[in-house]
Amino acid sequence: MLKTILDSKIWKLFCSLKLTIVLASAITLITIGGSLLIPFNPKTFAGIDSMPLGLWIEKVAVHDLAMTWWIPMAGGLVVLLGVNTLCCFTDWACHFRARWRKCGEYLIHIGFVLILGAYLWGSQAGFRSENNPFLVGQIKQLPQQGVSLKLEAFETVLNKSGRPIDMLNTLALYKGNQVIKRVQARTNHPLTWNGLVIIPASYGQTMRGGRYLPYSILTIDYDPGANLALAGGIAMGCGVILTLFSFYRKRTRGDHPDIA
């Protein structure tokens, strides 16, 4: 049964290098052409980075298909490229004894598939919440993760001229009454936990009880596919190292493989 599938024309098509080239070329042309529309349609594309892509397509893209059709089309082609890559990896695995020397190349293949799967997972199940104001002591429930976030302390760092150069946020995650993580988050140093990323974005002041109180503005991101993407990145990195090692090893033996 397996041999019949591996010898079928459909399987060979999905494992074809020609299909890879056609899909990659089509994705490149569509995304380059479509991206030229973005600067001229800021209202349509302004929020594309402020929410998961799946949610953006559902809420924004479907209402302006004349400008956004290329994004779901390119996404569909990328998924097909992922299927093509997975089929190539599966075909290699089924002939491992004869092709084991190409481990590096196929680690790159499976790494790409893992990263693509992680992105699709995150775009459907993840979220991004911007402009969340927190006063010191304020708690916000994050029900999707079953935890709560508390700002325990906040301080701005000023330079000699009085301009702000950093924001120090002591953030704590609670599960019930138990602290599961506490960090001092600042610019480019967010709180991270199980795919959750809390980023200090800005700050402001509000009047309370006749005096001004500072508050922090946080961006809350959740990407359930983060660990899967990390595994994919590691696989691709190892694949690149093995491929380069194999290439230069052949060179030292006088074997000069073509670079294609």
C-alpha atoms as a PDB file:
ATOM      1  CA  MET A   1       0.000   0.000   0.000  1.00  0.00           C
ATOM      2  CA  LEU A   2       2.763   2.451   0.991  1.00  0.00           C
ATOM      3  CA  LYS A   3       4.784   1.584  -2.117  1.00  0.00           C
ATOM      4  CA  THR A   4       1.709   2.208  -4.298  1.00  0.00           C
ATOM      5  CA  ILE A   5       1.267   5.663  -2.775  1.00  0.00           C
ATOM      6  CA  LEU A   6       4.952   6.562  -3.122  1.00  0.00           C
ATOM      7  CA  ASP A   7       4.913   5.488  -6.781  1.00  0.00           C
ATOM      8  CA  SER A   8       1.713   7.369  -7.675  1.00  0.00           C
ATOM      9  CA  LYS A   9       1.781  10.416  -9.966  1.00  0.00           C
ATOM     10  CA  ILE A  10      -0.036  12.594  -7.415  1.00  0.00           C
ATOM     11  CA  TRP A  11       2.564  11.829  -4.719  1.00  0.00           C
ATOM     12  CA  LYS A  12       5.416  12.546  -7.119  1.00  0.00           C
ATOM     13  CA  LEU A  13       3.744  15.843  -8.051  1.00  0.00           C
ATOM     14  CA  PHE A  14       3.542  16.910  -4.404  1.00  0.00           C
ATOM     15  CA  CYS A  15       7.200  15.939  -3.917  1.00  0.00           C
ATOM     16  CA  SER A  16       8.291  17.731  -7.081  1.00  0.00           C
ATOM     17  CA  LEU A  17      10.993  20.395  -7.012  1.00  0.00           C
ATOM     18  CA  LYS A  18       9.210  22.048  -9.953  1.00  0.00           C
ATOM     19  CA  LEU A  19       6.111  22.514  -7.772  1.00  0.00           C
ATOM     20  CA  THR A  20       8.311  24.088  -5.083  1.00  0.00           C
ATOM     21  CA  ILE A  21       9.746  26.566  -7.593  1.00  0.00           C
ATOM     22  CA  VAL A  22       6.315  27.439  -9.029  1.00  0.00           C
ATOM     23  CA  LEU A  23       4.771  27.987  -5.573  1.00  0.00           C
ATOM     24  CA  ALA A  24       7.732  29.994  -4.247  1.00  0.00           C
ATOM     25  CA  SER A  25       7.770  32.174  -7.370  1.00  0.00           C
ATOM     26  CA  ALA A  26       4.016  32.778  -7.218  1.00  0.00           C
ATOM     27  CA  ILE A  27       4.171  33.693  -3.511  1.00  0.00           C
ATOM     28  CA  THR A  28       7.031  36.126  -4.157  1.00  0.00           C
ATOM     29  CA  LEU A  29       5.293  37.855  -7.079  1.00  0.00           C
ATOM     30  CA  ILE A  30       1.923  38.117  -5.297  1.00  0.00           C
ATOM     31  CA  THR A  31       3.365  39.485  -2.054  1.00  0.00           C
ATOM     32  CA  ILE A  32       5.610  42.006  -3.828  1.00  0.00           C
ATOM     33  CA  GLY A  33       2.751  43.201  -6.026  1.00  0.00           C
ATOM     34  CA  GLY A  34       0.228  43.246  -3.188  1.00  0.00           C
ATOM     35  CA  SER A  35       2.538  45.078  -0.796  1.00  0.00           C
ATOM     36  CA  LEU A  36       2.577  48.002  -3.219  1.00  0.00           C
ATOM     37  CA  LEU A  37      -1.067  48.607  -2.275  1.00  0.00           C
ATOM     38  CA  ILE A  38      -0.310  49.058   1.438  1.00  0.00           C
ATOM     39  CA  PRO A  39       1.106  52.648   1.404  1.00  0.00           C
ATOM     40  CA  PHE A  40      -1.880  53.893  -0.627  1.00  0.00           C
ATOM     41  CA  ASN A  41      -4.541  52.283   1.607  1.00  0.00           C
ATOM     42  CA  PRO A  42      -3.516  53.055   5.205  1.00  0.00           C
ATOM     43  CA  LYS A  43      -7.068  52.740   6.583  1.00  0.00           C
ATOM     44  CA  THR A  44      -7.351  49.163   5.379  1.00  0.00           C
ATOM     45  CA  PHE A  45      -3.885  47.952   6.390  1.00  0.00           C
ATOM     46  CA  ALA A  46      -3.258  50.079   9.510  1.00  0.00           C
ATOM     47  CA  GLY A  47      -4.296  47.344  11.957  1.00  0.00           C
ATOM     48  CA  ILE A  48      -2.661  44.375  10.257  1.00  0.00           C
ATOM     49  CA  ASP A  49       0.126  44.231  12.874  1.00  0.00           C
ATOM     50  CA  SER A  50      -2.130  44.916  15.860  1.00  0.00           C
ATOM     51  CA  MET A  51      -3.978  41.575  15.822  1.00  0.00           C
ATOM     52  CA  PRO A  52      -3.471  37.958  14.666  1.00  0.00           C
ATOM     53  CA  LEU A  53      -3.666  37.641  10.888  1.00  0.00           C
ATOM     54  CA  GLY A  54      -6.657  35.288  11.000  1.00  0.00           C
ATOM     55  CA  LEU A  55      -8.639  37.806  13.045  1.00  0.00           C
ATOM     56  CA  TRP A  56      -7.577  40.673  10.759  1.00  0.00           C
ATOM     57  CA  ILE A  57      -8.773  38.762   7.682  1.00  0.00           C
ATOM     58  CA  GLU A  58     -12.093  38.016   9.401  1.00  0.00           C
ATOM     59  CA  LYS A  59     -12.705  41.576  10.638  1.00  0.00           C
ATOM     60  CA  VAL A  60     -11.049  43.768   8.008  1.00  0.00           C
ATOM     61  CA  ALA A  61      -9.931  41.983   4.859  1.00  0.00           C
ATOM     62  CA  VAL A  62     -13.332  40.480   3.966  1.00  0.00           C
ATOM     63  CA  HIS A  63     -14.830  43.988   3.801  1.00  0.00           C
ATOM     64  CA  ASP A  64     -12.302  45.250   1.248  1.00  0.00           C
ATOM     65  CA  LEU A  65     -11.412  42.267  -0.924  1.00  0.00           C
ATOM     66  CA  ALA A  66     -10.427  44.517  -3.829  1.00  0.00           C
ATOM     67  CA  MET A  67      -7.381  45.623  -1.787  1.00  0.00           C
ATOM     68  CA  THR A  68      -6.749  42.552   0.383  1.00  0.00           C
ATOM     69  CA  TRP A  69      -7.416  39.520  -1.853  1.00  0.00           C
ATOM     70  CA  TRP A  70      -3.691  38.898  -2.282  1.00  0.00           C
ATOM     71  CA  ILE A  71      -3.081  38.204   1.415  1.00  0.00           C
ATOM     72  CA  PRO A  72      -5.324  35.106   1.775  1.00  0.00           C
ATOM     73  CA  MET A  73      -4.205  33.948  -1.681  1.00  0.00           C
ATOM     74  CA  ALA A  74      -0.533  34.205  -0.705  1.00  0.00           C
ATOM     75  CA  GLY A  75      -1.361  32.494   2.594  1.00  0.00           C
ATOM     76  CA  GLY A  76      -3.032  29.613   0.752  1.00  0.00           C
ATOM     77  CA  LEU A  77       0.006  29.217  -1.504  1.00  0.00           C
ATOM     78  CA  VAL A  78       2.311  29.215   1.541  1.00  0.00           C
ATOM     79  CA  VAL A  79       0.218  26.401   3.045  1.00  0.00           C
ATOM     80  CA  LEU A  80       0.550  24.463  -0.224  1.00  0.00           C
ATOM     81  CA  LEU A  81       4.307  25.062  -0.098  1.00  0.00           C
ATOM     82  CA  GLY A  82       4.276  23.659   3.435  1.00  0.00           C
ATOM     83  CA  VAL A  83       2.397  20.565   2.219  1.00  0.00           C
ATOM     84  CA  ASN A  84       4.902  20.202  -0.628  1.00  0.00           C
ATOM     85  CA  THR A  85       7.790  20.449   1.869  1.00  0.00           C
ATOM     86  CA  LEU A  86       6.173  17.948   4.255  1.00  0.00           C
ATOM     87  CA  CYS A  87       5.654  15.489   1.403  1.00  0.00           C
ATOM     88  CA  CYS A  88       9.333  15.832   0.437  1.00  0.00           C
ATOM     89  CA  PHE A  89      10.363  15.148   4.036  1.00  0.00           C
ATOM     90  CA  THR A  90       8.021  12.131   4.287  1.00  0.00           C
ATOM     91  CA  ASP A  91       9.350  10.720   1.007  1.00  0.00           C
ATOM     92  CA  TRP A  92      12.915  11.135   2.294  1.00  0.00           C
ATOM     93  CA  ALA A  93      12.028   9.446   5.592  1.00  0.00           C
ATOM     94  CA  CYS A  94      10.534   6.485   3.703  1.00  0.00           C
ATOM     95  CA  HIS A  95      13.843   6.081   1.828  1.00  0.00           C
ATOM     96  CA  PHE A  96      16.068   6.987   4.779  1.00  0.00           C
ATOM     97  CA  ARG A  97      18.599   4.173   4.306  1.00  0.00           C
ATOM     98  CA  ALA A  98      19.383   5.334   0.792  1.00  0.00           C
ATOM     99  CA  ARG A  99      19.256   9.083   1.521  1.00  0.00           C
ATOM    100  CA  TRP A 100      20.556   9.481   5.088  1.00  0.00           C
ATOM    101  CA  ARG A 101      23.458  11.661   3.898  1.00  0.00           C
ATOM    102  CA  LYS A 102      20.936  14.432   3.170  1.00  0.00           C
ATOM    103  CA  CYS A 103      19.846  14.755   6.822  1.00  0.00           C
ATOM    104  CA  GLY A 104      20.821  18.436   6.916  1.00  0.00           C
ATOM    105  CA  GLU A 105      18.674  19.393   3.955  1.00  0.00           C
ATOM    106  CA  TYR A 106      15.628  17.613   5.344  1.00  0.00           C
ATOM    107  CA  LEU A 107      16.067  19.067   8.817  1.00  0.00           C
ATOM    108  CA  ILE A 108      15.665  22.433   7.071  1.00  0.00           C
ATOM    109  CA  HIS A 109      12.504  21.052   5.433  1.00  0.00           C
ATOM    110  CA  ILE A 110      10.907  19.893   8.684  1.00  0.00           C
ATOM    111  CA  GLY A 111      11.983  23.109  10.423  1.00  0.00           C
ATOM    112  CA  PHE A 112      10.113  25.142   7.814  1.00  0.00           C
ATOM    113  CA  VAL A 113       7.005  22.968   8.286  1.00  0.00           C
ATOM    114  CA  LEU A 114       7.140  23.423  12.082  1.00  0.00           C
ATOM    115  CA  ILE A 115       7.512  27.209  11.798  1.00  0.00           C
ATOM    116  CA  LEU A 116       4.635  27.395   9.322  1.00  0.00           C
ATOM    117  CA  GLY A 117       2.468  25.248  11.606  1.00  0.00           C
ATOM    118  CA  ALA A 118       3.365  27.461  14.570  1.00  0.00           C
ATOM    119  CA  TYR A 119       2.402  30.604  12.640  1.00  0.00           C
ATOM    120  CA  LEU A 120      -0.948  29.136  11.546  1.00  0.00           C
ATOM    121  CA  TRP A 121      -1.637  28.032  15.127  1.00  0.00           C
ATOM    122  CA  GLY A 122      -0.766  31.442  16.527  1.00  0.00           C
ATOM    123  CA  SER A 123      -2.771  33.328  13.891  1.00  0.00           C
ATOM    124  CA  GLN A 124      -5.904  31.388  14.844  1.00  0.00           C
ATOM    125  CA  ALA A 125      -5.560  30.829  18.603  1.00  0.00           C
ATOM    126  CA  GLY A 126      -3.345  33.753  19.629  1.00  0.00           C
ATOM    127  CA  PHE A 127      -4.250  37.346  20.395  1.00  0.00           C
ATOM    128  CA  ARG A 128      -2.757  40.803  20.810  1.00  0.00           C
ATOM    129  CA  SER A 129      -4.191  43.417  23.156  1.00  0.00           C
ATOM    130  CA  GLU A 130      -2.708  46.915  22.927  1.00  0.00           C
ATOM    131  CA  ASN A 131      -3.028  50.070  25.051  1.00  0.00           C
ATOM    132  CA  ASN A 132      -3.747  48.401  28.391  1.00  0.00           C
ATOM    133  CA  PRO A 133      -3.346  51.075  31.126  1.00  0.00           C
ATOM    134  CA  PHE A 134      -2.192  49.774  34.533  1.00  0.00           C
ATOM    135  CA  LEU A 135      -1.963  51.755  37.760  1.00  0.00           C
ATOM    136  CA  VAL A 136       0.390  50.407  40.417  1.00  0.00           C
ATOM    137  CA  GLY A 137      -1.445  47.633  42.257  1.00  0.00           C
ATOM    138  CA  GLN A 138      -3.957  47.055  39.465  1.00  0.00           C
ATOM    139  CA  ILE A 139      -4.770  43.460  38.457  1.00  0.00           C
ATOM    140  CA  LYS A 140      -6.069  42.218  35.098  1.00  0.00           C
ATOM    141  CA  GLN A 141      -7.455  38.739  34.560  1.00  0.00           C
ATOM    142  CA  LEU A 142      -6.153  36.771  31.575  1.00  0.00           C
ATOM    143  CA  PRO A 143      -8.774  34.013  31.429  1.00  0.00           C
ATOM    144  CA  GLN A 144      -7.414  32.339  28.304  1.00  0.00           C
ATOM    145  CA  GLN A 145      -4.233  31.464  30.238  1.00  0.00           C
ATOM    146  CA  GLY A 146      -5.927  31.024  33.602  1.00  0.00           C
ATOM    147  CA  VAL A 147      -3.695  33.657  35.254  1.00  0.00           C
ATOM    148  CA  SER A 148      -3.887  37.278  36.377  1.00  0.00           C
ATOM    149  CA  LEU A 149      -1.398  40.077  35.746  1.00  0.00           C
ATOM    150  CA  LYS A 150      -0.476  42.667  38.378  1.00  0.00           C
ATOM    151  CA  LEU A 151       1.631  45.807  38.107  1.00  0.00           C
ATOM    152  CA  GLU A 152       3.436  45.890  41.463  1.00  0.00           C
ATOM    153  CA  ALA A 153       5.688  48.900  40.833  1.00  0.00           C
ATOM    154  CA  PHE A 154       6.370  51.418  38.080  1.00  0.00           C
ATOM    155  CA  GLU A 155       9.168  53.922  37.601  1.00  0.00           C
ATOM    156  CA  THR A 156      10.346  56.040  34.671  1.00  0.00           C
ATOM    157  CA  VAL A 157      14.060  56.493  34.035  1.00  0.00           C
ATOM    158  CA  LEU A 158      15.012  60.006  32.934  1.00  0.00           C
ATOM    159  CA  ASN A 159      18.220  61.328  31.418  1.00  0.00           C
ATOM    160  CA  LYS A 160      19.962  64.514  32.584  1.00  0.00           C
ATOM    161  CA  SER A 161      17.694  66.705  30.473  1.00  0.00           C
ATOM    162  CA  GLY A 162      14.579  65.128  31.961  1.00  0.00           C
ATOM    163  CA  ARG A 163      13.616  63.085  28.925  1.00  0.00           C
ATOM    164  CA  PRO A 164      12.374  59.513  29.573  1.00  0.00           C
ATOM    165  CA  ILE A 165      14.754  56.806  28.366  1.00  0.00           C
ATOM    166  CA  ASP A 166      13.217  53.704  29.949  1.00  0.00           C
ATOM    167  CA  MET A 167      10.251  52.361  31.918  1.00  0.00           C
ATOM    168  CA  LEU A 168      10.730  49.938  34.816  1.00  0.00           C
ATOM    169  CA  ASN A 169       7.666  47.773  35.397  1.00  0.00           C
ATOM    170  CA  THR A 170       7.618  45.193  38.171  1.00  0.00           C
ATOM    171  CA  LEU A 171       5.106  42.694  36.814  1.00  0.00           C
ATOM    172  CA  ALA A 172       3.788  39.552  38.474  1.00  0.00           C
ATOM    173  CA  LEU A 173       1.698  36.677  37.150  1.00  0.00           C
ATOM    174  CA  TYR A 174      -0.615  34.988  39.644  1.00  0.00           C
ATOM    175  CA  LYS A 175      -2.412  31.670  39.522  1.00  0.00           C
ATOM    176  CA  GLY A 176      -4.945  32.051  42.269  1.00  0.00           C
ATOM    177  CA  ASN A 177      -3.010  33.589  45.153  1.00  0.00           C
ATOM    178  CA  GLN A 178       0.336  32.105  44.114  1.00  0.00           C
ATOM    179  CA  VAL A 179       2.973  34.078  42.210  1.00  0.00           C
ATOM    180  CA  ILE A 180       4.181  32.002  39.262  1.00  0.00           C
ATOM    181  CA  LYS A 181       6.491  34.626  37.761  1.00  0.00           C
ATOM    182  CA  ARG A 182       7.750  38.066  38.775  1.00  0.00           C
ATOM    183  CA  VAL A 183      10.104  40.171  36.631  1.00  0.00           C
ATOM    184  CA  GLN A 184      11.138  43.766  36.112  1.00  0.00           C
ATOM    185  CA  ALA A 185      10.030  44.389  32.537  1.00  0.00           C
ATOM    186  CA  ARG A 186      11.443  47.323  30.586  1.00  0.00           C
ATOM    187  CA  THR A 187      12.034  48.407  27.020  1.00  0.00           C
ATOM    188  CA  ASN A 188      13.047  45.382  24.910  1.00  0.00           C
ATOM    189  CA  HIS A 189      12.919  43.147  28.010  1.00  0.00           C
ATOM    190  CA  PRO A 190       9.316  41.884  28.267  1.00  0.00           C
ATOM    191  CA  LEU A 191       7.762  39.380  30.635  1.00  0.00           C
ATOM    192  CA  THR A 192       7.462  36.015  28.871  1.00  0.00           C
ATOM    193  CA  TRP A 193       5.628  32.910  30.049  1.00  0.00           C
ATOM    194  CA  ASN A 194       4.177  29.968  28.091  1.00  0.00           C
ATOM    195  CA  GLY A 195       3.673  31.936  24.873  1.00  0.00           C
ATOM    196  CA  LEU A 196       2.516  35.042  26.754  1.00  0.00           C
ATOM    197  CA  VAL A 197       4.526  38.225  26.173  1.00  0.00           C
ATOM    198  CA  ILE A 198       3.895  41.411  28.200  1.00  0.00           C
ATOM    199  CA  ILE A 199       5.588  44.444  26.630  1.00  0.00           C
ATOM    200  CA  PRO A 200       5.910  47.915  28.241  1.00  0.00           C
ATOM    201  CA  ALA A 201       4.748  50.219  25.441  1.00  0.00           C
ATOM    202  CA  SER A 202       4.305  53.667  26.992  1.00  0.00           C
ATOM    203  CA  TYR A 203       3.081  55.476  30.088  1.00  0.00           C
ATOM    204  CA  GLY A 204       0.940  58.401  31.161  1.00  0.00           C
ATOM    205  CA  GLN A 205      -0.543  60.237  34.129  1.00  0.00           C
ATOM    206  CA  THR A 206      -4.038  60.446  35.549  1.00  0.00           C
ATOM    207  CA  MET A 207      -5.610  62.577  38.292  1.00  0.00           C
ATOM    208  CA  ARG A 208      -6.666  60.615  41.366  1.00  0.00           C
ATOM    209  CA  GLY A 209      -7.521  62.135  44.736  1.00  0.00           C
ATOM    210  CA  GLY A 210      -6.199  65.560  43.779  1.00  0.00           C
ATOM    211  CA  ARG A 211      -2.800  64.333  42.624  1.00  0.00           C
ATOM    212  CA  TYR A 212      -1.246  62.922  39.494  1.00  0.00           C
ATOM    213  CA  LEU A 213      -0.512  59.212  39.439  1.00  0.00           C
ATOM    214  CA  PRO A 214       1.654  57.577  36.759  1.00  0.00           C
ATOM    215  CA  TYR A 215       0.373  54.546  34.928  1.00  0.00           C
ATOM    216  CA  SER A 216       2.003  52.076  32.562  1.00  0.00           C
ATOM    217  CA  ILE A 217       0.604  51.139  29.153  1.00  0.00           C
ATOM    218  CA  LEU A 218       1.214  47.484  28.341  1.00  0.00           C
ATOM    219  CA  THR A 219       0.839  45.378  25.205  1.00  0.00           C
ATOM    220  CA  ILE A 220      -0.250  41.807  25.893  1.00  0.00           C
ATOM    221  CA  ASP A 221       0.566  39.188  23.251  1.00  0.00           C
ATOM    222  CA  TYR A 222      -0.220  35.493  23.324  1.00  0.00           C
ATOM    223  CA  ASP A 223       1.230  33.070  20.759  1.00  0.00           C
ATOM    224  CA  PRO A 224       0.556  29.392  21.562  1.00  0.00           C
ATOM    225  CA  GLY A 225       2.854  28.319  18.733  1.00  0.00           C
ATOM    226  CA  ALA A 226       5.974  30.035  20.109  1.00  0.00           C
ATOM    227  CA  ASN A 227       7.616  26.833  21.390  1.00  0.00           C
ATOM    228  CA  LEU A 228       6.812  25.008  18.155  1.00  0.00           C
ATOM    229  CA  ALA A 229       8.404  27.849  16.178  1.00  0.00           C
ATOM    230  CA  LEU A 230      11.475  27.604  18.434  1.00  0.00           C
ATOM    231  CA  ALA A 231      11.736  23.880  17.687  1.00  0.00           C
ATOM    232  CA  GLY A 232      11.451  24.654  13.976  1.00  0.00           C
ATOM    233  CA  GLY A 233      14.165  27.280  14.205  1.00  0.00           C
ATOM    234  CA  ILE A 234      16.495  24.876  16.011  1.00  0.00           C
ATOM    235  CA  ALA A 235      15.833  22.189  13.388  1.00  0.00           C
ATOM    236  CA  MET A 236      16.595  24.619  10.552  1.00  0.00           C
ATOM    237  CA  GLY A 237      19.751  25.856  12.282  1.00  0.00           C
ATOM    238  CA  CYS A 238      21.018  22.310  12.811  1.00  0.00           C
ATOM    239  CA  GLY A 239      20.135  21.502   9.213  1.00  0.00           C
ATOM    240  CA  VAL A 240      22.152  24.438   7.893  1.00  0.00           C
ATOM    241  CA  ILE A 241      25.176  23.432  10.002  1.00  0.00           C
ATOM    242  CA  LEU A 242      24.991  19.785   8.854  1.00  0.00           C
ATOM    243  CA  THR A 243      24.567  20.821   5.215  1.00  0.00           C
ATOM    244  CA  LEU A 244      27.567  23.141   5.342  1.00  0.00           C
ATOM    245  CA  PHE A 245      29.645  20.497   7.134  1.00  0.00           C
ATOM    246  CA  SER A 246      28.711  17.900   4.495  1.00  0.00           C
ATOM    247  CA  PHE A 247      29.506  20.323   1.671  1.00  0.00           C
ATOM    248  CA  TYR A 248      32.969  21.266   2.951  1.00  0.00           C
ATOM    249  CA  ARG A 249      33.749  17.663   3.881  1.00  0.00           C
ATOM    250  CA  LYS A 250      33.132  16.672   0.272  1.00  0.00           C
ATOM    251  CA  ARG A 251      35.341  19.533  -0.876  1.00  0.00           C
ATOM    252  CA  THR A 252      38.236  18.347   1.279  1.00  0.00           C
ATOM    253  CA  ARG A 253      37.931  14.891  -0.284  1.00  0.00           C
ATOM    254  CA  GLY A 254      38.131  16.363  -3.788  1.00  0.00           C
ATOM    255  CA  ASP A 255      34.439  15.916  -4.459  1.00  0.00           C
ATOM    256  CA  HIS A 256      33.098  19.224  -5.826  1.00  0.00           C
ATOM    257  CA  PRO A 257      29.303  19.150  -5.688  1.00  0.00           C
ATOM    258  CA  ASP A 258      27.405  21.647  -7.762  1.00  0.00           C
ATOM    259  CA  ILE A 259      25.749  24.504  -5.888  1.00  0.00           C
ATOM    260  CA  ALA A 260      22.194  24.732  -7.181  1.00  0.00           C
END
